[in-house]
Every structure is written in C-alpha cells, then in structure tokens.
C-alpha cells in the first residue's frame, strides 16, 4: 500500500459550537479516509497532529497558521480544511500541477441568518485549496518575510490571486480551479473573521437552492451549525 501523498491541514479558532465541531470532525474524517490530518486550534484537540495557535485572531493569521502546518506536513501535497466548511471525499482525491494553487469551484455558500439557502458565487476560497506543499511554503514564506507582523487586512487573500499579490508586492503565482461532483459547503456566520458576515451584509450569488445532492436540505445543515 502506497503512503499518502496529501496532508489535510484543518484550521479552527474553536468558536463554533461543540455539537457542530463533533459533526464537522465526523464528516471530515470520513472524507479524509487514510490521509493524515494536522489540526491547528486555539484549544487542544485530541485528534490529528495538533498545533496550538496563540497568535492574534486576524485574517492574516489564517495564512501564518497554514504555513506552520505546511512545514510540519511530510507529504507532497497539502489541502486546507476549515471548521465551517464541509467536504466530500472526492475533494481530497484531486492533485494539481506542482506550479499552481488549485481551488474547488463547486462550492456552495450558506448563511446562518435569513432563510437557509445554498448559493454559488464565482470566487475562489482558501477553504478549498489543494496545492504542492513546497509551493505553499515558498509563497507564504515570501509573504511573511515582507510582512513579519502580518499582512494588512485589505491586502490579505488567497495565494494565486494576482490582485492580492500585486497589492502585497510579492511574486505572482498561478491559480487554477477544479470541480468535484458533490459540492463543498462553506457556512458564513457571525463567529468568523469576515466583517460582512458578522454584520449580515454579505450578499448571496444568483444561483440558489434549498436542497443539494449529498448534503441535503440547507435548513438541516444550519440547524446543526447553530445547535
């Protein structure tokens, strides 16, 4: 049996409910199968290889913690998992070219406020990143060498987004997208770093659904998240 070539790096600030955290853990481990998992958290976790995050709660810190996880991983590839995002097993089966950051574009958003509704937007998200571990380390080391105290909020964003890289004054790198048959589901909520979600000012995309294959009804997912 071949050794796994991808490590999942799961990021959490431990702000979600315990009920959701257990549900998310169950679904993530089902999707991970035999793949190694590194968990990075503010409170100790008893699963995966656990690193504690003691840095300021800030969007830039997400990428700093990802760098820590990538350096600890031993595999050729890494994949990001976030505590408010659900993944089908096939998501972690994808392997990108070694020179590109790959993002799953079959990603539905779901607000915890208003009528529970899945929606799609044409935008990449760090929560769906799969990339070469070497490329991630190279890109993030360059970021934090230039911004040792963290990147500015308005300039912080996904690797491979050339407008972000231009604002930061760092090397442009390639981003590509892929799509799985079953969707990734990203939940927008008040406990995250996104100011628009905190204030309920974030807008939905025009493609919407109340029920999707694999994950089922939007209101059932929101109910678990808020329980």
Foldseek 3Di string as FASTA:
>chain_A
DDDDQEEEEEEDAPPFDPLLQVVQVVQVCVLCPPHAYEYEYCDDDPDGNYDYDPDDQAPQVVLVVVLVVLVPDDHFKYWYAYSQKGDHNVLVVDADPQQEKEFAQLEWEFELDDDTKTFHDRDGASNSTMHGSVNSNVVSVQLCVQVVPGDDRVLDDDQQPVVSCVVSVHDHTHYYYDHDPDYMYGYQALPHNDPCSVVVNDDGHPDMDQADPPPGGRVVSSVSRVD
